[in-house]
Amino acid sequence: MADEVEAELVKVCPQLLPLVQERNSAALLLEDLPLRFPVREISEEGGRPQRAWELAALMHLNRRRPYEALAIFWSLYQHMLV
């Protein structure tokens, strides 16, 4: 499962993979994702921006970092509400 998530992340947004692999990845992603995918793009057809956020969170969940995964999912939710 973890390998499948990583492979999909590489297809959707390969620039995020180095960030996800950092020790402080959640903090880096919480800063990077809103800038990389502005609000107007989050509901883009095809769902690429939203899926990139989801995959970043799932990678944290697969690495037994549930609180960081939750922070990324919560940030996505807040971003979508804007």
PDB file of N, CA and C in Angstrom:
ATOM      1  N   MET A   1       0.819  -1.200   0.000  1.00  0.00           N
ATOM      2  CA  MET A   1       0.000   0.000   0.000  1.00  0.00           C
ATOM      3  C   MET A   1       0.865   1.268   0.000  1.00  0.00           C
ATOM      4  N   ALA A   2       1.879   1.294   0.843  1.00  0.00           N
ATOM      5  CA  ALA A   2       2.736   2.479   0.931  1.00  0.00           C
ATOM      6  C   ALA A   2       3.453   2.741  -0.388  1.00  0.00           C
ATOM      7  N   ASP A   3       3.894   1.676  -1.034  1.00  0.00           N
ATOM      8  CA  ASP A   3       4.582   1.840  -2.323  1.00  0.00           C
ATOM      9  C   ASP A   3       3.642   2.372  -3.393  1.00  0.00           C
ATOM     10  N   GLU A   4       2.384   1.937  -3.340  1.00  0.00           N
ATOM     11  CA  GLU A   4       1.400   2.410  -4.317  1.00  0.00           C
ATOM     12  C   GLU A   4       1.122   3.892  -4.130  1.00  0.00           C
ATOM     13  N   VAL A   5       1.033   4.329  -2.879  1.00  0.00           N
ATOM     14  CA  VAL A   5       0.792   5.742  -2.587  1.00  0.00           C
ATOM     15  C   VAL A   5       1.962   6.575  -3.070  1.00  0.00           C
ATOM     16  N   GLU A   6       3.170   6.114  -2.793  1.00  0.00           N
ATOM     17  CA  GLU A   6       4.356   6.853  -3.238  1.00  0.00           C
ATOM     18  C   GLU A   6       4.430   6.917  -4.764  1.00  0.00           C
ATOM     19  N   ALA A   7       4.123   5.816  -5.435  1.00  0.00           N
ATOM     20  CA  ALA A   7       4.148   5.797  -6.901  1.00  0.00           C
ATOM     21  C   ALA A   7       3.121   6.765  -7.481  1.00  0.00           C
ATOM     22  N   GLU A   8       1.946   6.823  -6.866  1.00  0.00           N
ATOM     23  CA  GLU A   8       0.923   7.746  -7.363  1.00  0.00           C
ATOM     24  C   GLU A   8       1.337   9.191  -7.109  1.00  0.00           C
ATOM     25  N   LEU A   9       1.956   9.454  -5.959  1.00  0.00           N
ATOM     26  CA  LEU A   9       2.421  10.814  -5.673  1.00  0.00           C
ATOM     27  C   LEU A   9       3.449  11.258  -6.713  1.00  0.00           C
ATOM     28  N   VAL A  10       4.324  10.360  -7.103  1.00  0.00           N
ATOM     29  CA  VAL A  10       5.336  10.683  -8.128  1.00  0.00           C
ATOM     30  C   VAL A  10       4.649  11.033  -9.445  1.00  0.00           C
ATOM     31  N   LYS A  11       3.557  10.355  -9.771  1.00  0.00           N
ATOM     32  CA  LYS A  11       2.818  10.657 -11.001  1.00  0.00           C
ATOM     33  C   LYS A  11       2.075  11.981 -10.902  1.00  0.00           C
ATOM     34  N   VAL A  12       1.470  12.240  -9.751  1.00  0.00           N
ATOM     35  CA  VAL A  12       0.624  13.430  -9.585  1.00  0.00           C
ATOM     36  C   VAL A  12       1.460  14.689  -9.400  1.00  0.00           C
ATOM     37  N   CYS A  13       2.450  14.617  -8.526  1.00  0.00           N
ATOM     38  CA  CYS A  13       3.272  15.805  -8.250  1.00  0.00           C
ATOM     39  C   CYS A  13       4.633  15.366  -7.713  1.00  0.00           C
ATOM     40  N   PRO A  14       5.564  15.055  -8.597  1.00  0.00           N
ATOM     41  CA  PRO A  14       6.864  14.530  -8.161  1.00  0.00           C
ATOM     42  C   PRO A  14       7.671  15.497  -7.287  1.00  0.00           C
ATOM     43  N   GLN A  15       7.382  16.781  -7.362  1.00  0.00           N
ATOM     44  CA  GLN A  15       8.106  17.765  -6.558  1.00  0.00           C
ATOM     45  C   GLN A  15       7.840  17.605  -5.059  1.00  0.00           C
ATOM     46  N   LEU A  16       6.734  16.940  -4.694  1.00  0.00           N
ATOM     47  CA  LEU A  16       6.404  16.780  -3.281  1.00  0.00           C
ATOM     48  C   LEU A  16       7.167  15.642  -2.619  1.00  0.00           C
ATOM     49  N   LEU A  17       7.651  14.693  -3.385  1.00  0.00           N
ATOM     50  CA  LEU A  17       8.310  13.528  -2.808  1.00  0.00           C
ATOM     51  C   LEU A  17       9.507  13.897  -1.920  1.00  0.00           C
ATOM     52  N   PRO A  18      10.396  14.788  -2.355  1.00  0.00           N
ATOM     53  CA  PRO A  18      11.508  15.156  -1.465  1.00  0.00           C
ATOM     54  C   PRO A  18      11.027  15.791  -0.157  1.00  0.00           C
ATOM     55  N   LEU A  19       9.957  16.559  -0.220  1.00  0.00           N
ATOM     56  CA  LEU A  19       9.422  17.175   0.997  1.00  0.00           C
ATOM     57  C   LEU A  19       8.857  16.126   1.948  1.00  0.00           C
ATOM     58  N   VAL A  20       8.146  15.158   1.402  1.00  0.00           N
ATOM     59  CA  VAL A  20       7.532  14.111   2.218  1.00  0.00           C
ATOM     60  C   VAL A  20       8.597  13.279   2.917  1.00  0.00           C
ATOM     61  N   GLN A  21       9.757  13.179   2.344  1.00  0.00           N
ATOM     62  CA  GLN A  21      10.819  12.346   2.900  1.00  0.00           C
ATOM     63  C   GLN A  21      11.646  13.044   3.978  1.00  0.00           C
ATOM     64  N   GLU A  22      11.427  14.318   4.184  1.00  0.00           N
ATOM     65  CA  GLU A  22      12.160  15.057   5.211  1.00  0.00           C
ATOM     66  C   GLU A  22      11.612  14.731   6.607  1.00  0.00           C
ATOM     67  N   ARG A  23      12.451  14.910   7.605  1.00  0.00           N
ATOM     68  CA  ARG A  23      12.026  14.642   8.978  1.00  0.00           C
ATOM     69  C   ARG A  23      10.915  15.593   9.416  1.00  0.00           C
ATOM     70  N   ASN A  24      11.000  16.833   9.028  1.00  0.00           N
ATOM     71  CA  ASN A  24       9.984  17.837   9.369  1.00  0.00           C
ATOM     72  C   ASN A  24       9.016  18.044   8.199  1.00  0.00           C
ATOM     73  N   SER A  25       8.682  16.958   7.533  1.00  0.00           N
ATOM     74  CA  SER A  25       7.894  17.017   6.304  1.00  0.00           C
ATOM     75  C   SER A  25       6.523  17.655   6.481  1.00  0.00           C
ATOM     76  N   ALA A  26       5.858  17.381   7.568  1.00  0.00           N
ATOM     77  CA  ALA A  26       4.519  17.942   7.745  1.00  0.00           C
ATOM     78  C   ALA A  26       4.584  19.471   7.765  1.00  0.00           C
ATOM     79  N   ALA A  27       5.519  20.004   8.522  1.00  0.00           N
ATOM     80  CA  ALA A  27       5.669  21.463   8.584  1.00  0.00           C
ATOM     81  C   ALA A  27       5.986  22.040   7.210  1.00  0.00           C
ATOM     82  N   LEU A  28       6.884  21.380   6.497  1.00  0.00           N
ATOM     83  CA  LEU A  28       7.242  21.848   5.154  1.00  0.00           C
ATOM     84  C   LEU A  28       6.043  21.803   4.215  1.00  0.00           C
ATOM     85  N   LEU A  29       5.286  20.710   4.275  1.00  0.00           N
ATOM     86  CA  LEU A  29       4.121  20.562   3.397  1.00  0.00           C
ATOM     87  C   LEU A  29       3.014  21.549   3.736  1.00  0.00           C
ATOM     88  N   LEU A  30       2.817  21.824   5.015  1.00  0.00           N
ATOM     89  CA  LEU A  30       1.768  22.766   5.406  1.00  0.00           C
ATOM     90  C   LEU A  30       2.067  24.176   4.911  1.00  0.00           C
ATOM     91  N   GLU A  31       3.328  24.477   4.694  1.00  0.00           N
ATOM     92  CA  GLU A  31       3.696  25.759   4.093  1.00  0.00           C
ATOM     93  C   GLU A  31       3.636  25.691   2.573  1.00  0.00           C
ATOM     94  N   ASP A  32       4.099  24.595   2.012  1.00  0.00           N
ATOM     95  CA  ASP A  32       4.254  24.474   0.563  1.00  0.00           C
ATOM     96  C   ASP A  32       2.945  24.234  -0.178  1.00  0.00           C
ATOM     97  N   LEU A  33       2.118  23.338   0.319  1.00  0.00           N
ATOM     98  CA  LEU A  33       0.911  22.938  -0.424  1.00  0.00           C
ATOM     99  C   LEU A  33      -0.032  24.096  -0.756  1.00  0.00           C
ATOM    100  N   PRO A  34      -0.350  24.984   0.210  1.00  0.00           N
ATOM    101  CA  PRO A  34      -1.249  26.096  -0.146  1.00  0.00           C
ATOM    102  C   PRO A  34      -0.661  27.043  -1.194  1.00  0.00           C
ATOM    103  N   LEU A  35       0.652  27.167  -1.205  1.00  0.00           N
ATOM    104  CA  LEU A  35       1.292  28.025  -2.204  1.00  0.00           C
ATOM    105  C   LEU A  35       1.358  27.339  -3.568  1.00  0.00           C
ATOM    106  N   ARG A  36       1.630  26.055  -3.547  1.00  0.00           N
ATOM    107  CA  ARG A  36       1.742  25.288  -4.788  1.00  0.00           C
ATOM    108  C   ARG A  36       0.381  25.127  -5.476  1.00  0.00           C
ATOM    109  N   PHE A  37      -0.665  24.951  -4.671  1.00  0.00           N
ATOM    110  CA  PHE A  37      -2.016  24.749  -5.206  1.00  0.00           C
ATOM    111  C   PHE A  37      -2.953  25.795  -4.612  1.00  0.00           C
ATOM    112  N   PRO A  38      -3.052  26.958  -5.251  1.00  0.00           N
ATOM    113  CA  PRO A  38      -3.925  28.024  -4.760  1.00  0.00           C
ATOM    114  C   PRO A  38      -5.392  27.573  -4.691  1.00  0.00           C
ATOM    115  N   VAL A  39      -6.167  28.308  -3.942  1.00  0.00           N
ATOM    116  CA  VAL A  39      -7.577  27.974  -3.717  1.00  0.00           C
ATOM    117  C   VAL A  39      -8.323  27.778  -5.028  1.00  0.00           C
ATOM    118  N   ARG A  40      -8.072  28.614  -6.005  1.00  0.00           N
ATOM    119  CA  ARG A  40      -8.820  28.528  -7.259  1.00  0.00           C
ATOM    120  C   ARG A  40      -8.531  27.229  -8.016  1.00  0.00           C
ATOM    121  N   GLU A  41      -7.397  26.569  -7.711  1.00  0.00           N
ATOM    122  CA  GLU A  41      -7.032  25.334  -8.398  1.00  0.00           C
ATOM    123  C   GLU A  41      -7.476  24.075  -7.657  1.00  0.00           C
ATOM    124  N   ILE A  42      -7.878  24.212  -6.402  1.00  0.00           N
ATOM    125  CA  ILE A  42      -8.127  23.028  -5.579  1.00  0.00           C
ATOM    126  C   ILE A  42      -9.290  22.192  -6.099  1.00  0.00           C
ATOM    127  N   SER A  43     -10.237  22.821  -6.752  1.00  0.00           N
ATOM    128  CA  SER A  43     -11.368  22.059  -7.294  1.00  0.00           C
ATOM    129  C   SER A  43     -11.219  21.832  -8.800  1.00  0.00           C
ATOM    130  N   GLU A  44      -9.994  21.955  -9.270  1.00  0.00           N
ATOM    131  CA  GLU A  44      -9.684  21.780 -10.686  1.00  0.00           C
ATOM    132  C   GLU A  44     -10.168  20.418 -11.188  1.00  0.00           C
ATOM    133  N   GLU A  45     -10.658  20.419 -12.404  1.00  0.00           N
ATOM    134  CA  GLU A  45     -11.129  19.164 -12.991  1.00  0.00           C
ATOM    135  C   GLU A  45      -9.982  18.165 -13.068  1.00  0.00           C
ATOM    136  N   GLY A  46     -10.284  16.945 -12.759  1.00  0.00           N
ATOM    137  CA  GLY A  46      -9.258  15.914 -12.710  1.00  0.00           C
ATOM    138  C   GLY A  46      -8.759  15.690 -11.294  1.00  0.00           C
ATOM    139  N   GLY A  47      -8.934  16.663 -10.412  1.00  0.00           N
ATOM    140  CA  GLY A  47      -8.608  16.511  -9.006  1.00  0.00           C
ATOM    141  C   GLY A  47      -7.137  16.400  -8.655  1.00  0.00           C
ATOM    142  N   ARG A  48      -6.239  16.798  -9.558  1.00  0.00           N
ATOM    143  CA  ARG A  48      -4.807  16.671  -9.306  1.00  0.00           C
ATOM    144  C   ARG A  48      -4.346  17.406  -8.044  1.00  0.00           C
ATOM    145  N   PRO A  49      -4.692  18.675  -7.854  1.00  0.00           N
ATOM    146  CA  PRO A  49      -4.233  19.364  -6.645  1.00  0.00           C
ATOM    147  C   PRO A  49      -4.742  18.709  -5.357  1.00  0.00           C
ATOM    148  N   GLN A  50      -6.015  18.399  -5.331  1.00  0.00           N
ATOM    149  CA  GLN A  50      -6.575  17.777  -4.134  1.00  0.00           C
ATOM    150  C   GLN A  50      -5.930  16.417  -3.890  1.00  0.00           C
ATOM    151  N   ARG A  51      -5.714  15.651  -4.919  1.00  0.00           N
ATOM    152  CA  ARG A  51      -5.122  14.319  -4.771  1.00  0.00           C
ATOM    153  C   ARG A  51      -3.683  14.405  -4.268  1.00  0.00           C
ATOM    154  N   ALA A  52      -2.958  15.434  -4.668  1.00  0.00           N
ATOM    155  CA  ALA A  52      -1.587  15.605  -4.183  1.00  0.00           C
ATOM    156  C   ALA A  52      -1.580  15.796  -2.671  1.00  0.00           C
ATOM    157  N   TRP A  53      -2.496  16.623  -2.160  1.00  0.00           N
ATOM    158  CA  TRP A  53      -2.613  16.819  -0.709  1.00  0.00           C
ATOM    159  C   TRP A  53      -2.944  15.488  -0.033  1.00  0.00           C
ATOM    160  N   GLU A  54      -3.922  14.773  -0.586  1.00  0.00           N
ATOM    161  CA  GLU A  54      -4.354  13.511   0.008  1.00  0.00           C
ATOM    162  C   GLU A  54      -3.200  12.505   0.051  1.00  0.00           C
ATOM    163  N   LEU A  55      -2.457  12.407  -1.012  1.00  0.00           N
ATOM    164  CA  LEU A  55      -1.346  11.456  -1.069  1.00  0.00           C
ATOM    165  C   LEU A  55      -0.248  11.816  -0.081  1.00  0.00           C
ATOM    166  N   ALA A  56       0.032  13.089   0.072  1.00  0.00           N
ATOM    167  CA  ALA A  56       1.028  13.518   1.060  1.00  0.00           C
ATOM    168  C   ALA A  56       0.577  13.108   2.464  1.00  0.00           C
ATOM    169  N   ALA A  57      -0.691  13.280   2.755  1.00  0.00           N
ATOM    170  CA  ALA A  57      -1.215  12.875   4.056  1.00  0.00           C
ATOM    171  C   ALA A  57      -1.192  11.357   4.221  1.00  0.00           C
ATOM    172  N   LEU A  58      -1.559  10.644   3.172  1.00  0.00           N
ATOM    173  CA  LEU A  58      -1.560   9.179   3.243  1.00  0.00           C
ATOM    174  C   LEU A  58      -0.153   8.626   3.444  1.00  0.00           C
ATOM    175  N   MET A  59       0.836   9.268   2.865  1.00  0.00           N
ATOM    176  CA  MET A  59       2.209   8.810   3.082  1.00  0.00           C
ATOM    177  C   MET A  59       2.592   8.941   4.553  1.00  0.00           C
ATOM    178  N   HIS A  60       2.136  10.002   5.196  1.00  0.00           N
ATOM    179  CA  HIS A  60       2.402  10.151   6.634  1.00  0.00           C
ATOM    180  C   HIS A  60       1.649   9.087   7.432  1.00  0.00           C
ATOM    181  N   LEU A  61       0.436   8.839   7.043  1.00  0.00           N
ATOM    182  CA  LEU A  61      -0.355   7.823   7.730  1.00  0.00           C
ATOM    183  C   LEU A  61       0.308   6.450   7.594  1.00  0.00           C
ATOM    184  N   ASN A  62       0.784   6.118   6.415  1.00  0.00           N
ATOM    185  CA  ASN A  62       1.462   4.840   6.184  1.00  0.00           C
ATOM    186  C   ASN A  62       2.777   4.728   6.951  1.00  0.00           C
ATOM    187  N   ARG A  63       3.359   5.851   7.282  1.00  0.00           N
ATOM    188  CA  ARG A  63       4.624   5.848   8.033  1.00  0.00           C
ATOM    189  C   ARG A  63       4.382   5.977   9.535  1.00  0.00           C
ATOM    190  N   ARG A  64       3.159   5.715   9.935  1.00  0.00           N
ATOM    191  CA  ARG A  64       2.763   5.749  11.358  1.00  0.00           C
ATOM    192  C   ARG A  64       2.969   7.129  11.973  1.00  0.00           C
ATOM    193  N   ARG A  65       2.561   8.131  11.211  1.00  0.00           N
ATOM    194  CA  ARG A  65       2.610   9.515  11.676  1.00  0.00           C
ATOM    195  C   ARG A  65       1.206  10.104  11.534  1.00  0.00           C
ATOM    196  N   PRO A  66       0.245   9.535  12.288  1.00  0.00           N
ATOM    197  CA  PRO A  66      -1.160   9.912  12.095  1.00  0.00           C
ATOM    198  C   PRO A  66      -1.479  11.361  12.429  1.00  0.00           C
ATOM    199  N   TYR A  67      -0.802  11.930  13.411  1.00  0.00           N
ATOM    200  CA  TYR A  67      -1.108  13.306  13.772  1.00  0.00           C
ATOM    201  C   TYR A  67      -0.686  14.279  12.682  1.00  0.00           C
ATOM    202  N   GLU A  68       0.417  13.978  12.041  1.00  0.00           N
ATOM    203  CA  GLU A  68       0.862  14.814  10.931  1.00  0.00           C
ATOM    204  C   GLU A  68      -0.045  14.625   9.717  1.00  0.00           C
ATOM    205  N   ALA A  69      -0.484  13.387   9.495  1.00  0.00           N
ATOM    206  CA  ALA A  69      -1.438  13.132   8.408  1.00  0.00           C
ATOM    207  C   ALA A  69      -2.720  13.918   8.651  1.00  0.00           C
ATOM    208  N   LEU A  70      -3.182  13.898   9.884  1.00  0.00           N
ATOM    209  CA  LEU A  70      -4.402  14.633  10.229  1.00  0.00           C
ATOM    210  C   LEU A  70      -4.232  16.133   9.997  1.00  0.00           C
ATOM    211  N   ALA A  71      -3.074  16.663  10.332  1.00  0.00           N
ATOM    212  CA  ALA A  71      -2.821  18.095  10.114  1.00  0.00           C
ATOM    213  C   ALA A  71      -2.872  18.437   8.626  1.00  0.00           C
ATOM    214  N   ILE A  72      -2.360  17.558   7.789  1.00  0.00           N
ATOM    215  CA  ILE A  72      -2.376  17.809   6.342  1.00  0.00           C
ATOM    216  C   ILE A  72      -3.795  17.704   5.801  1.00  0.00           C
ATOM    217  N   PHE A  73      -4.541  16.681   6.233  1.00  0.00           N
ATOM    218  CA  PHE A  73      -5.948  16.569   5.816  1.00  0.00           C
ATOM    219  C   PHE A  73      -6.749  17.782   6.287  1.00  0.00           C
ATOM    220  N   TRP A  74      -6.513  18.213   7.526  1.00  0.00           N
ATOM    221  CA  TRP A  74      -7.243  19.364   8.070  1.00  0.00           C
ATOM    222  C   TRP A  74      -6.904  20.633   7.281  1.00  0.00           C
ATOM    223  N   SER A  75      -5.653  20.782   6.922  1.00  0.00           N
ATOM    224  CA  SER A  75      -5.241  21.939   6.136  1.00  0.00           C
ATOM    225  C   SER A  75      -5.915  21.935   4.765  1.00  0.00           C
ATOM    226  N   LEU A  76      -6.011  20.770   4.165  1.00  0.00           N
ATOM    227  CA  LEU A  76      -6.720  20.650   2.877  1.00  0.00           C
ATOM    228  C   LEU A  76      -8.184  21.067   3.035  1.00  0.00           C
ATOM    229  N   TYR A  77      -8.827  20.570   4.086  1.00  0.00           N
ATOM    230  CA  TYR A  77     -10.221  20.908   4.345  1.00  0.00           C
ATOM    231  C   TYR A  77     -10.389  22.427   4.511  1.00  0.00           C
ATOM    232  N   GLN A  78      -9.528  23.040   5.305  1.00  0.00           N
ATOM    233  CA  GLN A  78      -9.596  24.497   5.505  1.00  0.00           C
ATOM    234  C   GLN A  78      -9.354  25.238   4.191  1.00  0.00           C
ATOM    235  N   HIS A  79      -8.451  24.747   3.395  1.00  0.00           N
ATOM    236  CA  HIS A  79      -8.121  25.367   2.107  1.00  0.00           C
ATOM    237  C   HIS A  79      -9.331  25.282   1.168  1.00  0.00           C
ATOM    238  N   MET A  80     -10.024  24.155   1.203  1.00  0.00           N
ATOM    239  CA  MET A  80     -11.208  23.973   0.332  1.00  0.00           C
ATOM    240  C   MET A  80     -12.360  24.877   0.762  1.00  0.00           C
ATOM    241  N   LEU A  81     -12.446  25.180   2.059  1.00  0.00           N
ATOM    242  CA  LEU A  81     -13.523  26.032   2.541  1.00  0.00           C
ATOM    243  C   LEU A  81     -13.367  27.484   2.109  1.00  0.00           C
ATOM    244  N   VAL A  82     -12.137  27.884   1.850  1.00  0.00           N
ATOM    245  CA  VAL A  82     -11.882  29.265   1.399  1.00  0.00           C
ATOM    246  C   VAL A  82     -12.486  29.402   0.048  1.00  0.00           C
TER     247      VAL A  82
END
